[in-house]
């Protein structure tokens, strides 16, 4: 498996992984599918903080981080995302991606990484606990999707 910064060439593969999760699951609270243009801008803005895992020329998943909140006092805190293709789950891909993100975060002076996970995403909750994130709390009913209120579970780690 190769871990590398995402490029424009990865956009179709990333969209093929991400948009079905947006459209069909409560893994993310957003309902707006990612567009090629928006994703290209995100990749350009994040640089080495948007990475893909690739094997045999196929994108297995991706991870990135960006600002947690606006304002200069939050500049050392970032919120991350780790998303895997279904076939890559449980294979160590997520662990590899988050480890690389932590390296990039340290190099950029990030003091705290935040994970904001849907309360219905037991896999992501278990993943964050397994890779050393600490549960910071639960925001009951923080999101609304598919006609129901969803809890948001917050995690943090000092990389």
N, C-alpha and C. Protein backbone atom coordinates (compact mmCIF):
# COMPACT_ATOMS: atom_id res chain seq x y z
N UNK A 1 0.85 -1.18 0.00
CA UNK A 1 0.00 0.00 0.00
C UNK A 1 0.89 1.23 0.00
N UNK A 2 0.50 2.20 -0.80
CA UNK A 2 1.21 3.48 -0.89
C UNK A 2 0.33 4.56 -0.30
N UNK A 3 0.91 5.41 0.52
CA UNK A 3 0.24 6.60 1.03
C UNK A 3 0.89 7.80 0.37
N UNK A 4 0.07 8.69 -0.20
CA UNK A 4 0.63 9.84 -0.91
C UNK A 4 -0.40 10.96 -0.92
N UNK A 5 0.07 12.19 -1.16
CA UNK A 5 -0.89 13.29 -1.28
C UNK A 5 -1.86 13.03 -2.44
N UNK A 6 -3.10 13.40 -2.24
CA UNK A 6 -4.12 13.26 -3.28
C UNK A 6 -3.81 14.22 -4.43
N UNK A 7 -4.19 13.82 -5.64
CA UNK A 7 -4.02 14.66 -6.82
C UNK A 7 -5.37 14.75 -7.55
N UNK A 8 -5.42 15.61 -8.55
CA UNK A 8 -6.65 15.73 -9.34
C UNK A 8 -7.01 14.41 -10.00
N UNK A 9 -6.02 13.60 -10.32
CA UNK A 9 -6.29 12.31 -10.96
C UNK A 9 -7.07 11.37 -10.03
N UNK A 10 -7.02 11.61 -8.73
CA UNK A 10 -7.72 10.76 -7.75
C UNK A 10 -9.19 11.15 -7.57
N UNK A 11 -9.59 12.27 -8.11
CA UNK A 11 -10.93 12.78 -7.85
C UNK A 11 -12.03 11.78 -8.20
N UNK A 12 -12.03 11.14 -9.37
CA UNK A 12 -13.11 10.19 -9.64
C UNK A 12 -13.19 9.05 -8.61
N UNK A 13 -12.05 8.54 -8.20
CA UNK A 13 -12.05 7.44 -7.22
C UNK A 13 -12.54 7.92 -5.86
N UNK A 14 -12.11 9.11 -5.45
CA UNK A 14 -12.55 9.65 -4.16
C UNK A 14 -14.06 9.89 -4.18
N UNK A 15 -14.55 10.48 -5.25
CA UNK A 15 -15.99 10.72 -5.36
C UNK A 15 -16.78 9.41 -5.33
N UNK A 16 -16.25 8.37 -5.96
CA UNK A 16 -16.93 7.07 -5.99
C UNK A 16 -17.01 6.44 -4.60
N UNK A 17 -16.07 6.77 -3.73
CA UNK A 17 -16.10 6.27 -2.35
C UNK A 17 -16.98 7.17 -1.48
N UNK A 18 -16.81 8.47 -1.60
CA UNK A 18 -17.41 9.43 -0.68
C UNK A 18 -18.89 9.68 -0.94
N UNK A 19 -19.27 9.92 -2.20
CA UNK A 19 -20.64 10.32 -2.47
C UNK A 19 -21.70 9.28 -2.10
N UNK A 20 -21.47 7.99 -2.30
CA UNK A 20 -22.48 7.03 -1.81
C UNK A 20 -22.68 7.09 -0.29
N UNK A 21 -21.61 7.39 0.45
CA UNK A 21 -21.75 7.52 1.90
C UNK A 21 -22.57 8.75 2.25
N UNK A 22 -22.35 9.83 1.51
CA UNK A 22 -23.14 11.05 1.73
C UNK A 22 -24.60 10.80 1.38
N UNK A 23 -24.83 10.18 0.25
CA UNK A 23 -26.18 9.98 -0.28
C UNK A 23 -26.98 8.94 0.50
N UNK A 24 -26.32 7.85 0.89
CA UNK A 24 -27.05 6.67 1.35
C UNK A 24 -26.89 6.30 2.82
N UNK A 25 -26.03 7.01 3.57
CA UNK A 25 -25.78 6.61 4.95
C UNK A 25 -25.84 7.80 5.91
N UNK A 26 -25.83 7.50 7.18
CA UNK A 26 -25.73 8.53 8.22
C UNK A 26 -24.31 8.63 8.76
N UNK A 27 -23.34 8.10 8.03
CA UNK A 27 -21.94 8.20 8.41
C UNK A 27 -21.51 9.67 8.45
N UNK A 28 -22.05 10.45 7.54
CA UNK A 28 -21.82 11.89 7.52
C UNK A 28 -23.17 12.58 7.57
N UNK A 29 -23.21 13.74 8.19
CA UNK A 29 -24.47 14.46 8.31
C UNK A 29 -24.78 15.27 7.06
N UNK A 30 -23.79 15.51 6.23
CA UNK A 30 -24.04 16.31 5.04
C UNK A 30 -24.92 15.56 4.05
N UNK A 31 -25.67 16.32 3.29
CA UNK A 31 -26.51 15.73 2.25
C UNK A 31 -26.08 16.21 0.87
N UNK A 32 -25.11 17.09 0.81
CA UNK A 32 -24.64 17.63 -0.47
C UNK A 32 -23.45 16.80 -0.95
N UNK A 33 -23.64 16.13 -2.07
CA UNK A 33 -22.56 15.32 -2.62
C UNK A 33 -21.41 16.21 -3.06
N UNK A 34 -20.22 15.66 -2.98
CA UNK A 34 -19.02 16.36 -3.40
C UNK A 34 -19.00 16.46 -4.92
N UNK A 35 -18.46 17.56 -5.41
CA UNK A 35 -18.34 17.77 -6.85
C UNK A 35 -16.86 17.70 -7.23
N UNK A 36 -16.57 17.41 -8.49
CA UNK A 36 -15.17 17.41 -8.92
C UNK A 36 -14.49 18.76 -8.65
N UNK A 37 -15.19 19.85 -8.92
CA UNK A 37 -14.61 21.18 -8.72
C UNK A 37 -14.34 21.47 -7.25
N UNK A 38 -15.30 21.15 -6.41
CA UNK A 38 -15.14 21.37 -4.98
C UNK A 38 -14.04 20.51 -4.39
N UNK A 39 -13.98 19.26 -4.84
CA UNK A 39 -12.94 18.36 -4.35
C UNK A 39 -11.56 18.81 -4.82
N UNK A 40 -11.47 19.27 -6.05
CA UNK A 40 -10.19 19.79 -6.57
C UNK A 40 -9.71 20.97 -5.72
N UNK A 41 -10.63 21.85 -5.36
CA UNK A 41 -10.27 23.00 -4.53
C UNK A 41 -9.82 22.55 -3.14
N UNK A 42 -10.50 21.55 -2.59
CA UNK A 42 -10.15 21.03 -1.27
C UNK A 42 -8.76 20.38 -1.30
N UNK A 43 -8.48 19.60 -2.31
CA UNK A 43 -7.17 18.96 -2.44
C UNK A 43 -6.08 20.03 -2.55
N UNK A 44 -6.32 21.04 -3.37
CA UNK A 44 -5.34 22.11 -3.54
C UNK A 44 -5.11 22.88 -2.24
N UNK A 45 -6.17 23.15 -1.51
CA UNK A 45 -6.07 23.91 -0.26
C UNK A 45 -5.35 23.13 0.83
N UNK A 46 -5.57 21.83 0.88
CA UNK A 46 -5.00 21.04 1.98
C UNK A 46 -3.60 20.51 1.68
N UNK A 47 -3.24 20.40 0.43
CA UNK A 47 -1.89 19.93 0.08
C UNK A 47 -1.60 18.57 0.67
N UNK A 48 -0.50 18.45 1.44
CA UNK A 48 -0.12 17.16 2.00
C UNK A 48 -1.01 16.72 3.16
N UNK A 49 -2.01 17.52 3.50
CA UNK A 49 -2.96 17.14 4.54
C UNK A 49 -4.22 16.52 3.93
N UNK A 50 -4.13 16.10 2.68
CA UNK A 50 -5.20 15.33 2.02
C UNK A 50 -4.48 14.19 1.31
N UNK A 51 -4.58 13.00 1.87
CA UNK A 51 -3.80 11.87 1.36
C UNK A 51 -4.71 10.72 0.94
N UNK A 52 -4.18 9.90 0.06
CA UNK A 52 -4.89 8.70 -0.36
C UNK A 52 -4.04 7.49 -0.04
N UNK A 53 -4.72 6.37 0.16
CA UNK A 53 -4.07 5.06 0.26
C UNK A 53 -4.37 4.36 -1.05
N UNK A 54 -3.33 3.84 -1.68
CA UNK A 54 -3.47 3.22 -2.99
C UNK A 54 -2.76 1.87 -2.99
N UNK A 55 -3.35 0.92 -3.67
CA UNK A 55 -2.73 -0.39 -3.87
C UNK A 55 -3.10 -0.86 -5.27
N UNK A 56 -2.12 -1.36 -5.98
CA UNK A 56 -2.34 -1.86 -7.34
C UNK A 56 -3.05 -0.82 -8.22
N UNK A 57 -2.70 0.46 -8.03
CA UNK A 57 -3.28 1.52 -8.84
C UNK A 57 -4.70 1.90 -8.48
N UNK A 58 -5.21 1.38 -7.38
CA UNK A 58 -6.60 1.63 -6.96
C UNK A 58 -6.62 2.37 -5.63
N UNK A 59 -7.42 3.43 -5.55
CA UNK A 59 -7.57 4.18 -4.30
C UNK A 59 -8.43 3.36 -3.34
N UNK A 60 -7.86 3.09 -2.16
CA UNK A 60 -8.55 2.31 -1.13
C UNK A 60 -9.29 3.19 -0.14
N UNK A 61 -8.84 4.42 -0.03
CA UNK A 61 -9.43 5.34 0.92
C UNK A 61 -8.64 6.63 0.93
N UNK A 62 -9.10 7.56 1.74
CA UNK A 62 -8.44 8.85 1.82
C UNK A 62 -8.65 9.44 3.20
N UNK A 63 -7.83 10.42 3.52
CA UNK A 63 -7.92 11.10 4.80
C UNK A 63 -7.41 12.52 4.63
N UNK A 64 -7.90 13.39 5.47
CA UNK A 64 -7.43 14.76 5.43
C UNK A 64 -7.81 15.50 6.69
N UNK A 65 -7.24 16.67 6.83
CA UNK A 65 -7.68 17.54 7.92
C UNK A 65 -7.70 18.98 7.45
N UNK A 66 -8.51 19.74 8.15
CA UNK A 66 -8.64 21.17 7.88
C UNK A 66 -8.99 21.87 9.16
N UNK A 67 -9.23 23.16 9.08
CA UNK A 67 -9.52 23.94 10.29
C UNK A 67 -10.70 23.37 11.06
N UNK A 68 -10.56 23.38 12.38
CA UNK A 68 -11.65 22.95 13.25
C UNK A 68 -12.71 24.05 13.34
N UNK A 69 -12.27 25.25 13.59
CA UNK A 69 -13.14 26.42 13.64
C UNK A 69 -12.36 27.61 13.10
N UNK A 70 -13.07 28.66 12.77
CA UNK A 70 -12.39 29.86 12.30
C UNK A 70 -11.84 30.64 13.49
N UNK A 71 -10.94 31.52 13.20
CA UNK A 71 -10.35 32.35 14.24
C UNK A 71 -8.93 31.92 14.54
N UNK A 72 -8.06 32.88 14.81
CA UNK A 72 -6.64 32.56 15.00
C UNK A 72 -6.33 31.71 16.22
N UNK A 73 -7.15 31.73 17.21
CA UNK A 73 -6.87 30.95 18.43
C UNK A 73 -7.09 29.45 18.24
N UNK A 74 -7.72 29.07 17.13
CA UNK A 74 -7.93 27.66 16.82
C UNK A 74 -6.93 27.13 15.81
N UNK A 75 -5.92 27.90 15.46
CA UNK A 75 -5.02 27.52 14.37
C UNK A 75 -4.22 26.25 14.65
N UNK A 76 -4.15 25.83 15.89
CA UNK A 76 -3.40 24.62 16.23
C UNK A 76 -4.32 23.41 16.45
N UNK A 77 -5.58 23.56 16.06
CA UNK A 77 -6.56 22.48 16.18
C UNK A 77 -7.15 22.22 14.80
N UNK A 78 -7.22 20.95 14.42
CA UNK A 78 -7.75 20.58 13.11
C UNK A 78 -8.75 19.45 13.27
N UNK A 79 -9.73 19.42 12.36
CA UNK A 79 -10.69 18.33 12.32
C UNK A 79 -10.34 17.42 11.15
N UNK A 80 -10.34 16.13 11.40
CA UNK A 80 -9.92 15.18 10.36
C UNK A 80 -11.08 14.33 9.85
N UNK A 81 -10.82 13.73 8.71
CA UNK A 81 -11.74 12.80 8.07
C UNK A 81 -10.92 11.61 7.60
N UNK A 82 -11.42 10.42 7.83
CA UNK A 82 -10.84 9.19 7.28
C UNK A 82 -11.98 8.41 6.66
N UNK A 83 -11.89 8.15 5.37
CA UNK A 83 -12.96 7.43 4.68
C UNK A 83 -12.34 6.34 3.82
N UNK A 84 -12.89 5.15 3.94
CA UNK A 84 -12.36 3.98 3.23
C UNK A 84 -13.40 3.37 2.30
N UNK A 85 -12.92 2.81 1.21
CA UNK A 85 -13.76 1.97 0.38
C UNK A 85 -14.15 0.76 1.22
N UNK A 86 -15.31 0.23 0.97
CA UNK A 86 -15.80 -0.90 1.78
C UNK A 86 -14.80 -2.06 1.82
N UNK A 87 -14.19 -2.38 0.70
CA UNK A 87 -13.25 -3.50 0.63
C UNK A 87 -11.98 -3.27 1.44
N UNK A 88 -11.68 -2.02 1.78
CA UNK A 88 -10.45 -1.70 2.51
C UNK A 88 -10.65 -1.68 4.02
N UNK A 89 -11.87 -1.77 4.48
CA UNK A 89 -12.14 -1.70 5.92
C UNK A 89 -11.64 -2.95 6.62
N UNK A 90 -11.05 -2.74 7.80
CA UNK A 90 -10.54 -3.85 8.60
C UNK A 90 -9.23 -4.42 8.09
N UNK A 91 -8.56 -3.72 7.19
CA UNK A 91 -7.31 -4.21 6.60
C UNK A 91 -6.09 -3.41 7.06
N UNK A 92 -6.26 -2.44 7.96
CA UNK A 92 -5.15 -1.60 8.41
C UNK A 92 -4.99 -0.32 7.60
N UNK A 93 -5.83 -0.11 6.61
CA UNK A 93 -5.72 1.09 5.77
C UNK A 93 -6.02 2.34 6.57
N UNK A 94 -7.08 2.31 7.36
CA UNK A 94 -7.43 3.47 8.18
C UNK A 94 -6.34 3.81 9.17
N UNK A 95 -5.75 2.80 9.80
CA UNK A 95 -4.65 3.02 10.75
C UNK A 95 -3.46 3.69 10.05
N UNK A 96 -3.15 3.22 8.87
CA UNK A 96 -2.04 3.81 8.12
C UNK A 96 -2.33 5.26 7.76
N UNK A 97 -3.55 5.53 7.31
CA UNK A 97 -3.91 6.90 6.94
C UNK A 97 -3.87 7.85 8.13
N UNK A 98 -4.42 7.43 9.27
CA UNK A 98 -4.44 8.33 10.43
C UNK A 98 -3.02 8.54 10.96
N UNK A 99 -2.18 7.51 10.91
CA UNK A 99 -0.79 7.67 11.35
C UNK A 99 -0.08 8.71 10.47
N UNK A 100 -0.29 8.64 9.16
CA UNK A 100 0.33 9.63 8.28
C UNK A 100 -0.23 11.02 8.54
N UNK A 101 -1.55 11.12 8.75
CA UNK A 101 -2.15 12.42 9.06
C UNK A 101 -1.55 13.01 10.33
N UNK A 102 -1.31 12.17 11.31
CA UNK A 102 -0.71 12.66 12.56
C UNK A 102 0.70 13.19 12.30
N UNK A 103 1.47 12.53 11.44
CA UNK A 103 2.81 13.03 11.08
C UNK A 103 2.71 14.41 10.43
N UNK A 104 1.80 14.55 9.49
CA UNK A 104 1.62 15.84 8.80
C UNK A 104 1.16 16.89 9.81
N UNK A 105 0.25 16.52 10.68
CA UNK A 105 -0.26 17.46 11.68
C UNK A 105 0.88 17.95 12.58
N UNK A 106 1.72 17.05 13.06
CA UNK A 106 2.85 17.46 13.89
C UNK A 106 3.76 18.42 13.13
N UNK A 107 4.04 18.09 11.87
CA UNK A 107 4.92 18.93 11.06
C UNK A 107 4.32 20.32 10.84
N UNK A 108 3.01 20.42 10.85
CA UNK A 108 2.33 21.71 10.64
C UNK A 108 2.03 22.43 11.95
N UNK A 109 2.46 21.87 13.08
CA UNK A 109 2.22 22.53 14.35
C UNK A 109 0.82 22.36 14.90
N UNK A 110 0.13 21.32 14.45
CA UNK A 110 -1.21 21.04 14.98
C UNK A 110 -1.06 20.36 16.34
N UNK A 111 -1.70 20.93 17.33
CA UNK A 111 -1.64 20.41 18.70
C UNK A 111 -2.74 19.39 18.98
N UNK A 112 -3.92 19.58 18.36
CA UNK A 112 -5.05 18.70 18.62
C UNK A 112 -5.76 18.35 17.32
N UNK A 113 -6.00 17.06 17.14
CA UNK A 113 -6.85 16.58 16.06
C UNK A 113 -8.21 16.23 16.64
N UNK A 114 -9.25 16.68 15.98
CA UNK A 114 -10.63 16.42 16.41
C UNK A 114 -11.27 15.46 15.42
N UNK A 115 -11.97 14.47 15.94
CA UNK A 115 -12.80 13.59 15.13
C UNK A 115 -14.25 13.81 15.53
N UNK A 116 -15.11 14.09 14.59
CA UNK A 116 -16.54 14.27 14.84
C UNK A 116 -17.27 13.15 14.11
N UNK A 117 -17.83 12.21 14.87
CA UNK A 117 -18.33 10.95 14.33
C UNK A 117 -19.82 10.81 14.59
N UNK A 118 -20.56 10.39 13.58
CA UNK A 118 -21.97 10.10 13.77
C UNK A 118 -22.15 9.03 14.85
N UNK A 119 -23.08 9.27 15.73
CA UNK A 119 -23.35 8.29 16.78
C UNK A 119 -23.82 6.95 16.25
N UNK A 120 -24.27 6.92 14.99
CA UNK A 120 -24.69 5.66 14.36
C UNK A 120 -23.54 4.93 13.68
N UNK A 121 -22.35 5.51 13.69
CA UNK A 121 -21.21 4.91 13.00
C UNK A 121 -20.33 4.16 14.00
N UNK A 122 -20.79 2.98 14.40
CA UNK A 122 -20.07 2.19 15.40
C UNK A 122 -18.65 1.86 14.95
N UNK A 123 -18.46 1.63 13.65
CA UNK A 123 -17.13 1.32 13.14
C UNK A 123 -16.16 2.46 13.35
N UNK A 124 -16.58 3.69 13.07
CA UNK A 124 -15.70 4.84 13.25
C UNK A 124 -15.46 5.14 14.73
N UNK A 125 -16.45 4.91 15.55
CA UNK A 125 -16.26 5.10 17.00
C UNK A 125 -15.21 4.12 17.50
N UNK A 126 -15.35 2.86 17.14
CA UNK A 126 -14.36 1.85 17.54
C UNK A 126 -12.98 2.15 16.98
N UNK A 127 -12.92 2.62 15.72
CA UNK A 127 -11.65 2.96 15.11
C UNK A 127 -10.94 4.05 15.90
N UNK A 128 -11.64 5.12 16.22
CA UNK A 128 -11.01 6.22 16.95
C UNK A 128 -10.50 5.76 18.31
N UNK A 129 -11.27 4.94 18.98
CA UNK A 129 -10.82 4.42 20.28
C UNK A 129 -9.60 3.53 20.10
N UNK A 130 -9.56 2.72 19.06
CA UNK A 130 -8.45 1.79 18.83
C UNK A 130 -7.15 2.50 18.46
N UNK A 131 -7.24 3.68 17.85
CA UNK A 131 -6.01 4.38 17.45
C UNK A 131 -5.64 5.50 18.42
N UNK A 132 -6.21 5.45 19.63
CA UNK A 132 -5.73 6.32 20.69
C UNK A 132 -6.43 7.66 20.85
N UNK A 133 -7.56 7.86 20.17
CA UNK A 133 -8.32 9.08 20.39
C UNK A 133 -9.14 8.91 21.67
N UNK A 134 -9.35 10.02 22.35
CA UNK A 134 -10.13 10.04 23.57
C UNK A 134 -11.50 10.64 23.28
N UNK A 135 -12.54 9.99 23.79
CA UNK A 135 -13.89 10.52 23.61
C UNK A 135 -14.02 11.79 24.45
N UNK A 136 -14.38 12.87 23.79
CA UNK A 136 -14.51 14.16 24.48
C UNK A 136 -15.95 14.44 24.89
N UNK A 137 -16.89 13.79 24.24
CA UNK A 137 -18.28 14.01 24.59
C UNK A 137 -19.23 13.67 23.46
N UNK A 138 -20.49 13.79 23.76
CA UNK A 138 -21.55 13.51 22.79
C UNK A 138 -22.45 14.73 22.73
N UNK A 139 -22.75 15.16 21.50
CA UNK A 139 -23.72 16.23 21.30
C UNK A 139 -25.01 15.57 20.82
N UNK A 140 -25.96 15.37 21.73
CA UNK A 140 -27.20 14.69 21.36
C UNK A 140 -28.00 15.47 20.31
N UNK A 141 -28.45 14.77 19.30
CA UNK A 141 -29.30 15.37 18.29
C UNK A 141 -28.66 16.52 17.54
N UNK A 142 -27.35 16.48 17.35
CA UNK A 142 -26.64 17.59 16.70
C UNK A 142 -26.87 17.64 15.19
N UNK A 143 -27.23 16.50 14.61
CA UNK A 143 -27.45 16.45 13.17
C UNK A 143 -28.83 15.89 12.85
N UNK A 144 -29.28 16.17 11.64
CA UNK A 144 -30.59 15.66 11.21
C UNK A 144 -30.45 15.14 9.79
N UNK A 145 -30.78 13.89 9.60
CA UNK A 145 -30.69 13.27 8.28
C UNK A 145 -31.66 12.11 8.24
N UNK A 146 -32.24 11.88 7.07
CA UNK A 146 -33.19 10.78 6.87
C UNK A 146 -34.36 10.85 7.85
N UNK A 147 -34.75 12.07 8.20
CA UNK A 147 -35.91 12.26 9.05
C UNK A 147 -35.69 11.96 10.52
N UNK A 148 -34.45 11.86 10.95
CA UNK A 148 -34.20 11.59 12.37
C UNK A 148 -33.02 12.42 12.87
N UNK A 149 -32.99 12.63 14.18
CA UNK A 149 -31.93 13.36 14.84
C UNK A 149 -30.79 12.40 15.16
N UNK A 150 -29.58 12.85 14.90
CA UNK A 150 -28.40 12.01 15.08
C UNK A 150 -27.44 12.65 16.08
N UNK A 151 -26.88 11.82 16.96
CA UNK A 151 -25.87 12.29 17.90
C UNK A 151 -24.53 12.45 17.20
N UNK A 152 -23.72 13.38 17.70
CA UNK A 152 -22.36 13.58 17.21
C UNK A 152 -21.41 13.25 18.34
N UNK A 153 -20.53 12.29 18.12
CA UNK A 153 -19.55 11.88 19.11
C UNK A 153 -18.23 12.56 18.78
N UNK A 154 -17.67 13.28 19.75
CA UNK A 154 -16.43 14.02 19.53
C UNK A 154 -15.25 13.28 20.16
N UNK A 155 -14.16 13.21 19.41
CA UNK A 155 -12.91 12.61 19.86
C UNK A 155 -11.79 13.62 19.69
N UNK A 156 -10.72 13.47 20.50
CA UNK A 156 -9.55 14.33 20.33
C UNK A 156 -8.28 13.53 20.62
N UNK A 157 -7.20 14.03 20.04
CA UNK A 157 -5.89 13.42 20.25
C UNK A 157 -4.83 14.47 19.97
N UNK A 158 -3.77 14.42 20.75
CA UNK A 158 -2.60 15.27 20.50
C UNK A 158 -1.61 14.42 19.71
N UNK A 159 -1.46 14.72 18.41
CA UNK A 159 -0.63 13.85 17.56
C UNK A 159 0.86 13.87 17.92
